[in-house]
């Protein structure tokens, strides 16, 4: 098995370096999707695309079996301006101060690292999941294995996992073969190969207070800023009664406010923004309605689709994590998990703290560990399913 893992790791590292070299910001993943699809085809893996998403299933796929989906995303955020090397060049060893940088991040050798935009989030998961899928591609498992490499995750786009799930669920004809809606999913994100068993949702609310303009010296008008301040105070003091046993309380923070055009004019309009991190105890629509009932300002949600998620209490995914000694935690960040209608966990190689920052990287041992753990996890679930 060791030699197999060595080979899969080397091939995964090569794939990841090629992916990094192809700019793939959200909504512009066509080139990287084409490359990865071609890689799978060259490795004998039949696959097809739905927009910029890649879908692959085993030749032994059967509609009477349950289905495990491995899913990760191909898109990246835009690079920060303070990268100390070319974010699209895997050949980062040309960095003038590479030794100092490697020492600073605690990596002894440049041969142990892959750096560049998307290496950690989410290229390492893509490469490791593709390797695990290839390992089991010709195997007869007690469940179907499906690989989905999605688009638009970083921007919550509708043509990413949301489109894939809808096409499978509604049998829209966009997928050339009929597929079962997955029963389980492993969502690939950089978690250090720990299993996230819940993640908070995201609800961003824009508040608008309307008043009436007037001259400040004559105390005219209705000050929209004061209306907004009163409402912000209500939001600060608002308490949600239901507390999640996994995630705790709903978190609400007002993060922006804007009003006024000149010092002596009473503002007739004031806008503010609230960042809310829901739990599974409330839908986003419920939260919006509850807060609107407290405020004079008009509240509107930018997106009601970014819901919270949690693994089912009796999930075989939790049983496998326990048997394999995989630690569990509650994730503060969102992912494509919110797009899925099935039982899931979030687990992948890399470190979330490196995401969306300059000089992104992942270590090769982390990629290897990801491949090994994905394979062990699928073996474990296969054993549990065979006993059922």
Protein backbone atom coordinates (compact mmCIF):
# COMPACT_ATOMS: atom_id res chain seq x y z
CA UNK A 1 0.00 0.00 0.00
CA UNK A 2 2.91 2.33 0.74
CA UNK A 3 4.13 2.31 -2.86
CA UNK A 4 0.59 2.96 -4.10
CA UNK A 5 0.30 5.97 -1.80
CA UNK A 6 3.74 7.19 -2.91
CA UNK A 7 2.64 7.07 -6.55
CA UNK A 8 -0.71 8.71 -5.89
CA UNK A 9 1.00 11.45 -3.87
CA UNK A 10 3.54 12.21 -6.59
CA UNK A 11 0.81 12.35 -9.23
CA UNK A 12 -1.38 14.52 -7.01
CA UNK A 13 1.45 16.99 -6.41
CA UNK A 14 2.08 17.24 -10.15
CA UNK A 15 -1.64 17.82 -10.78
CA UNK A 16 -1.81 20.48 -8.07
CA UNK A 17 1.14 22.39 -9.50
CA UNK A 18 -0.49 22.45 -12.92
CA UNK A 19 -3.77 23.66 -11.38
CA UNK A 20 -2.02 26.52 -9.58
CA UNK A 21 -0.52 27.72 -12.85
CA UNK A 22 -4.03 28.19 -14.32
CA UNK A 23 -5.83 31.27 -12.93
CA UNK A 24 -9.25 30.10 -11.76
CA UNK A 25 -11.12 32.81 -9.84
CA UNK A 26 -14.82 32.16 -9.23
CA UNK A 27 -16.90 32.36 -12.44
CA UNK A 28 -13.75 31.87 -14.57
CA UNK A 29 -12.93 28.22 -13.94
CA UNK A 30 -13.29 26.97 -17.51
CA UNK A 31 -9.56 26.48 -18.15
CA UNK A 32 -8.78 24.66 -14.92
CA UNK A 33 -11.93 22.56 -15.26
CA UNK A 34 -10.85 21.53 -18.76
CA UNK A 35 -7.37 20.65 -17.54
CA UNK A 36 -8.54 18.54 -14.57
CA UNK A 37 -11.17 16.83 -16.69
CA UNK A 38 -8.46 15.99 -19.22
CA UNK A 39 -6.20 14.66 -16.47
CA UNK A 40 -8.94 12.32 -15.25
CA UNK A 41 -9.61 11.16 -18.81
CA UNK A 42 -5.92 10.42 -19.39
CA UNK A 43 -5.92 8.36 -16.18
CA UNK A 44 -8.82 6.28 -17.49
CA UNK A 45 -11.50 7.99 -15.41
CA UNK A 46 -14.68 8.67 -17.36
CA UNK A 47 -16.09 12.07 -16.43
CA UNK A 48 -18.37 14.80 -17.71
CA UNK A 49 -18.94 18.47 -17.09
CA UNK A 50 -21.95 20.46 -16.03
CA UNK A 51 -20.93 24.06 -16.76
CA UNK A 52 -17.51 24.28 -15.04
CA UNK A 53 -18.23 21.44 -12.59
CA UNK A 54 -16.69 18.00 -13.10
CA UNK A 55 -18.61 14.83 -12.22
CA UNK A 56 -17.24 11.29 -12.25
CA UNK A 57 -18.80 8.00 -11.15
CA UNK A 58 -17.55 4.43 -10.98
CA UNK A 59 -18.28 2.06 -13.90
CA UNK A 60 -20.13 -0.14 -11.37
CA UNK A 61 -22.55 2.65 -10.44
CA UNK A 62 -25.93 1.15 -9.53
CA UNK A 63 -29.19 3.01 -8.84
CA UNK A 64 -30.10 0.50 -6.13
CA UNK A 65 -27.06 1.36 -4.02
CA UNK A 66 -26.52 4.29 -1.74
CA UNK A 67 -23.99 6.89 -2.88
CA UNK A 68 -21.01 8.60 -1.22
CA UNK A 69 -19.94 11.84 -2.85
CA UNK A 70 -16.45 13.29 -2.54
CA UNK A 71 -16.61 16.99 -3.39
CA UNK A 72 -14.14 19.86 -3.44
CA UNK A 73 -13.97 23.14 -5.36
CA UNK A 74 -11.79 24.25 -8.26
CA UNK A 75 -12.18 28.03 -7.93
CA UNK A 76 -10.06 30.44 -5.92
CA UNK A 77 -10.33 33.93 -4.51
CA UNK A 78 -8.31 36.70 -6.18
CA UNK A 79 -4.68 36.91 -5.00
CA UNK A 80 -3.76 39.48 -2.37
CA UNK A 81 -1.38 42.19 -3.53
CA UNK A 82 1.34 41.37 -1.00
CA UNK A 83 2.38 37.95 -2.34
CA UNK A 84 6.17 37.62 -2.16
CA UNK A 85 6.21 35.34 -5.21
CA UNK A 86 4.10 34.82 -8.32
CA UNK A 87 0.84 33.33 -6.98
CA UNK A 88 0.35 31.40 -10.23
CA UNK A 89 3.85 29.93 -10.41
CA UNK A 90 4.49 26.62 -8.66
CA UNK A 91 8.22 27.30 -9.18
CA UNK A 92 8.24 29.47 -6.08
CA UNK A 93 11.81 28.40 -5.22
CA UNK A 94 13.02 31.35 -7.30
CA UNK A 95 11.89 33.59 -4.45
CA UNK A 96 14.88 35.75 -3.46
CA UNK A 97 14.37 35.10 0.24
CA UNK A 98 12.96 31.59 -0.03
CA UNK A 99 15.09 30.21 2.82
CA UNK A 100 13.88 32.85 5.25
CA UNK A 101 10.29 32.27 4.19
CA UNK A 102 10.54 28.48 4.53
CA UNK A 103 12.07 28.89 7.97
CA UNK A 104 9.32 31.32 8.98
CA UNK A 105 6.55 28.86 8.08
CA UNK A 106 8.39 25.94 9.68
CA UNK A 107 9.07 23.91 6.52
CA UNK A 108 12.64 22.56 6.30
CA UNK A 109 12.88 22.10 2.53
CA UNK A 110 11.30 23.47 -0.63
CA UNK A 111 10.87 19.86 -1.78
CA UNK A 112 8.24 19.38 0.94
CA UNK A 113 5.88 22.14 -0.14
CA UNK A 114 3.56 23.28 -2.93
CA UNK A 115 2.86 27.00 -2.89
CA UNK A 116 0.62 29.28 -4.90
CA UNK A 117 -2.94 30.58 -5.05
CA UNK A 118 -5.42 27.78 -4.40
CA UNK A 119 -2.79 25.28 -3.23
CA UNK A 120 -4.33 25.02 0.24
CA UNK A 121 -7.88 26.18 -0.56
CA UNK A 122 -8.92 24.05 -2.26
CA UNK A 123 -6.43 22.44 -4.61
CA UNK A 124 -5.02 20.02 -2.04
CA UNK A 125 -8.50 18.58 -1.41
CA UNK A 126 -9.19 18.37 -5.16
CA UNK A 127 -5.95 16.47 -5.79
CA UNK A 128 -6.26 14.16 -2.77
CA UNK A 129 -9.92 13.35 -3.44
CA UNK A 130 -9.19 12.67 -7.12
CA UNK A 131 -6.43 10.28 -6.00
CA UNK A 132 -8.72 8.42 -3.59
CA UNK A 133 -11.44 8.20 -6.25
CA UNK A 134 -8.93 6.80 -8.76
CA UNK A 135 -7.82 4.23 -6.17
CA UNK A 136 -11.38 2.87 -5.85
CA UNK A 137 -12.53 3.55 -9.42
CA UNK A 138 -12.60 -0.09 -10.53
CA UNK A 139 -13.59 -1.51 -7.13
CA UNK A 140 -16.95 -3.02 -6.27
CA UNK A 141 -18.05 -1.22 -3.11
CA UNK A 142 -21.31 -1.69 -1.19
CA UNK A 143 -22.15 1.89 -2.23
CA UNK A 144 -21.54 4.06 -5.26
CA UNK A 145 -18.60 6.46 -5.20
CA UNK A 146 -19.04 9.83 -6.91
CA UNK A 147 -16.48 12.61 -7.39
CA UNK A 148 -17.69 16.20 -7.88
CA UNK A 149 -15.17 19.01 -8.40
CA UNK A 150 -17.21 22.17 -8.28
CA UNK A 151 -17.09 25.79 -9.35
CA UNK A 152 -18.08 29.16 -7.84
CA UNK A 153 -17.76 28.02 -4.22
CA UNK A 154 -15.85 31.09 -3.08
CA UNK A 155 -18.60 33.40 -4.35
CA UNK A 156 -21.64 31.23 -3.56
CA UNK A 157 -22.48 31.15 -7.26
CA UNK A 158 -25.60 29.42 -8.55
CA UNK A 159 -23.71 27.51 -11.27
CA UNK A 160 -21.55 25.58 -8.85
CA UNK A 161 -22.63 22.85 -6.45
CA UNK A 162 -26.13 24.29 -6.32
CA UNK A 163 -26.54 23.60 -10.05
CA UNK A 164 -25.04 20.10 -9.71
CA UNK A 165 -27.35 19.15 -6.86
CA UNK A 166 -30.43 20.46 -8.65
CA UNK A 167 -29.51 18.63 -11.87
CA UNK A 168 -29.14 15.33 -9.99
CA UNK A 169 -32.18 15.79 -7.76
CA UNK A 170 -34.55 17.01 -10.48
CA UNK A 171 -33.08 14.89 -13.30
CA UNK A 172 -32.98 18.00 -15.49
CA UNK A 173 -31.25 16.24 -18.38
CA UNK A 174 -28.05 18.27 -18.00
CA UNK A 175 -26.24 15.14 -16.79
CA UNK A 176 -25.85 12.39 -19.43
CA UNK A 177 -26.56 9.50 -17.04
CA UNK A 178 -29.23 9.18 -14.31
CA UNK A 179 -27.69 9.54 -10.87
CA UNK A 180 -28.90 8.96 -7.36
CA UNK A 181 -28.96 11.92 -5.02
CA UNK A 182 -25.98 11.22 -2.71
CA UNK A 183 -26.75 9.78 0.72
CA UNK A 184 -23.46 10.94 2.23
CA UNK A 185 -20.80 13.47 1.32
CA UNK A 186 -17.28 14.35 2.36
CA UNK A 187 -16.70 18.02 1.60
CA UNK A 188 -13.06 18.77 0.93
CA UNK A 189 -11.77 21.91 2.65
CA UNK A 190 -8.50 22.55 4.52
CA UNK A 191 -9.24 21.18 8.01
CA UNK A 192 -5.99 19.38 8.80
CA UNK A 193 -7.92 16.16 8.06
CA UNK A 194 -10.06 16.67 11.13
CA UNK A 195 -13.78 16.24 10.53
CA UNK A 196 -16.02 19.27 10.83
CA UNK A 197 -19.38 17.95 12.03
CA UNK A 198 -21.14 21.30 11.81
CA UNK A 199 -20.60 24.70 10.27
CA UNK A 200 -22.34 28.00 10.79
CA UNK A 201 -24.26 29.61 7.99
CA UNK A 202 -23.83 33.18 6.78
CA UNK A 203 -26.51 35.87 6.63
CA UNK A 204 -25.51 39.40 5.61
CA UNK A 205 -28.23 41.99 6.20
CA UNK A 206 -28.32 45.51 4.77
CA UNK A 207 -30.24 47.96 6.94
CA UNK A 208 -31.60 51.26 5.61
CA UNK A 209 -33.00 53.96 7.87
CA UNK A 210 -35.10 56.66 6.19
CA UNK A 211 -35.50 60.14 7.70
CA UNK A 212 -35.94 63.70 6.44
CA UNK A 213 -33.18 66.16 5.66
CA UNK A 214 -32.87 69.54 7.33
CA UNK A 215 -30.43 72.18 8.62
CA UNK A 216 -28.52 70.99 11.69
CA UNK A 217 -28.42 74.50 13.21
CA UNK A 218 -32.22 74.76 13.20
CA UNK A 219 -32.78 71.18 14.40
CA UNK A 220 -34.87 70.44 11.34
CA UNK A 221 -35.72 67.11 9.77
CA UNK A 222 -35.70 63.56 11.04
CA UNK A 223 -32.19 62.21 11.59
CA UNK A 224 -31.85 58.85 9.84
CA UNK A 225 -28.56 58.30 11.63
CA UNK A 226 -30.33 58.32 15.01
CA UNK A 227 -32.91 55.84 13.73
CA UNK A 228 -30.12 53.57 12.58
CA UNK A 229 -28.25 53.89 15.88
CA UNK A 230 -31.39 52.94 17.82
CA UNK A 231 -31.86 49.91 15.58
CA UNK A 232 -28.20 48.91 15.86
CA UNK A 233 -28.55 48.99 19.63
CA UNK A 234 -31.61 46.74 19.36
CA UNK A 235 -29.61 44.32 17.23
CA UNK A 236 -26.76 44.36 19.75
CA UNK A 237 -29.14 43.51 22.57
CA UNK A 238 -31.22 40.95 20.67
CA UNK A 239 -31.03 37.43 22.04
CA UNK A 240 -31.97 34.30 20.15
CA UNK A 241 -33.72 31.84 22.47
CA UNK A 242 -32.68 28.63 20.77
CA UNK A 243 -29.10 27.51 21.39
CA UNK A 244 -27.46 24.86 19.22
CA UNK A 245 -25.94 21.96 21.18
CA UNK A 246 -23.08 21.93 18.67
CA UNK A 247 -22.60 25.57 17.66
CA UNK A 248 -23.95 27.54 20.57
CA UNK A 249 -25.70 30.87 20.04
CA UNK A 250 -26.41 32.70 16.79
CA UNK A 251 -23.70 35.35 16.36
CA UNK A 252 -24.64 38.86 15.19
CA UNK A 253 -22.21 41.73 14.59
CA UNK A 254 -22.87 45.11 12.98
CA UNK A 255 -19.82 45.78 10.83
CA UNK A 256 -20.53 48.88 8.72
CA UNK A 257 -22.46 52.17 8.88
CA UNK A 258 -22.70 55.09 6.46
CA UNK A 259 -24.62 58.37 6.59
CA UNK A 260 -24.40 62.08 5.83
CA UNK A 261 -22.86 64.21 3.11
CA UNK A 262 -21.91 67.43 4.92
CA UNK A 263 -21.49 68.55 8.56
CA UNK A 264 -24.51 70.88 8.77
CA UNK A 265 -27.16 68.75 7.04
CA UNK A 266 -29.28 66.26 8.94
CA UNK A 267 -28.92 62.98 7.04
CA UNK A 268 -32.13 61.68 5.49
CA UNK A 269 -30.71 58.20 4.92
CA UNK A 270 -28.38 55.91 6.84
CA UNK A 271 -27.26 52.45 5.83
CA UNK A 272 -25.61 49.76 7.94
CA UNK A 273 -24.57 46.14 7.57
CA UNK A 274 -24.94 43.23 9.99
CA UNK A 275 -22.92 40.01 9.71
CA UNK A 276 -24.86 37.06 11.19
CA UNK A 277 -23.62 33.50 11.67
CA UNK A 278 -26.70 31.27 12.06
CA UNK A 279 -26.95 27.80 13.57
CA UNK A 280 -29.23 24.95 12.57
CA UNK A 281 -31.81 26.19 15.09
CA UNK A 282 -33.12 28.90 12.74
CA UNK A 283 -33.55 29.36 9.01
CA UNK A 284 -32.14 32.55 7.54
CA UNK A 285 -35.66 33.69 6.68
CA UNK A 286 -36.75 33.24 10.29
CA UNK A 287 -33.82 35.32 11.54
CA UNK A 288 -34.53 38.12 9.05
CA UNK A 289 -38.21 38.25 10.06
CA UNK A 290 -37.41 38.27 13.77
CA UNK A 291 -34.96 41.15 13.44
CA UNK A 292 -37.20 43.16 11.13
CA UNK A 293 -39.96 43.06 13.75
CA UNK A 294 -37.59 44.86 16.15
CA UNK A 295 -36.34 47.59 13.81
CA UNK A 296 -37.72 50.74 12.19
CA UNK A 297 -35.05 50.48 9.49
CA UNK A 298 -35.76 48.35 6.44
CA UNK A 299 -33.72 45.12 6.52
CA UNK A 300 -32.87 43.08 3.44
CA UNK A 301 -30.77 39.93 3.08
CA UNK A 302 -28.12 39.72 0.41
CA UNK A 303 -28.56 35.96 0.27
CA UNK A 304 -30.87 33.59 2.16
CA UNK A 305 -29.21 30.44 0.78
CA UNK A 306 -26.12 30.28 2.99
CA UNK A 307 -27.61 28.06 5.68
CA UNK A 308 -25.89 26.28 8.55
CA UNK A 309 -25.17 22.54 8.42
CA UNK A 310 -24.68 19.68 10.87
CA UNK A 311 -23.86 15.98 10.60
CA UNK A 312 -26.68 13.68 11.65
CA UNK A 313 -26.31 12.27 15.15
CA UNK A 314 -26.63 8.65 13.99
CA UNK A 315 -24.41 9.16 10.94
CA UNK A 316 -22.07 6.37 9.81
CA UNK A 317 -19.69 9.19 8.87
CA UNK A 318 -19.35 9.99 12.57
CA UNK A 319 -18.83 6.31 13.35
CA UNK A 320 -16.00 6.11 10.81
CA UNK A 321 -14.37 9.25 12.18
CA UNK A 322 -14.49 7.71 15.65
CA UNK A 323 -13.10 4.35 14.56
CA UNK A 324 -10.23 5.99 12.68
CA UNK A 325 -9.38 8.36 15.52
CA UNK A 326 -10.22 11.43 13.43
CA UNK A 327 -10.87 14.45 15.62
CA UNK A 328 -14.08 16.42 15.18
CA UNK A 329 -14.86 20.11 15.53
CA UNK A 330 -17.39 22.80 14.66
CA UNK A 331 -16.28 24.98 11.76
CA UNK A 332 -16.74 28.76 11.82
CA UNK A 333 -16.53 28.96 8.02
CA UNK A 334 -19.01 28.02 5.32
CA UNK A 335 -18.51 25.70 2.33
CA UNK A 336 -20.43 23.83 -0.35
CA UNK A 337 -21.88 21.75 2.49
CA UNK A 338 -24.72 24.28 2.65
CA UNK A 339 -25.70 23.33 -0.92
CA UNK A 340 -26.16 19.63 -0.11
CA UNK A 341 -29.30 17.87 0.96
CA UNK A 342 -27.56 14.85 2.47
CA UNK A 343 -25.60 13.77 5.51
CA UNK A 344 -22.04 15.12 5.37
CA UNK A 345 -18.80 16.02 7.09
CA UNK A 346 -16.12 18.51 6.02
CA UNK A 347 -12.55 17.20 5.91
CA UNK A 348 -9.48 17.90 3.84
CA UNK A 349 -5.69 18.43 3.86
CA UNK A 350 -4.18 21.82 4.65
CA UNK A 351 -4.88 24.53 7.20
CA UNK A 352 -7.83 26.92 7.03
CA UNK A 353 -5.65 29.67 8.56
CA UNK A 354 -3.62 29.80 5.32
CA UNK A 355 -6.66 30.41 3.13
CA UNK A 356 -7.32 33.80 1.52
CA UNK A 357 -3.89 35.09 2.57
CA UNK A 358 -0.62 35.88 0.85
CA UNK A 359 1.91 33.13 0.09
CA UNK A 360 -0.62 30.30 0.32
CA UNK A 361 0.90 26.83 0.53
CA UNK A 362 0.31 23.21 1.46
CA UNK A 363 2.88 20.62 2.43
CA UNK A 364 3.37 17.39 0.52
CA UNK A 365 3.06 15.31 3.71
CA UNK A 366 -0.36 16.94 4.22
CA UNK A 367 -1.42 15.84 0.73
CA UNK A 368 -0.19 12.31 1.38
CA UNK A 369 -2.01 12.21 4.71
CA UNK A 370 -5.17 13.39 2.97
CA UNK A 371 -4.99 10.60 0.39
CA UNK A 372 -4.35 7.96 3.05
CA UNK A 373 -7.17 9.15 5.29
CA UNK A 374 -9.68 9.43 2.45
CA UNK A 375 -8.87 5.87 1.41
CA UNK A 376 -9.12 4.62 5.02
CA UNK A 377 -12.39 6.48 5.48
CA UNK A 378 -13.94 4.93 2.37
CA UNK A 379 -12.71 1.49 3.48
CA UNK A 380 -14.30 2.04 6.90
CA UNK A 381 -17.62 3.17 5.46
CA UNK A 382 -17.52 0.19 3.10
CA UNK A 383 -17.11 -2.12 6.09
CA UNK A 384 -20.01 -0.51 7.95
CA UNK A 385 -22.22 -0.60 4.87
CA UNK A 386 -21.36 -4.25 4.26
CA UNK A 387 -22.51 -5.10 7.78
CA UNK A 388 -25.86 -3.36 7.34
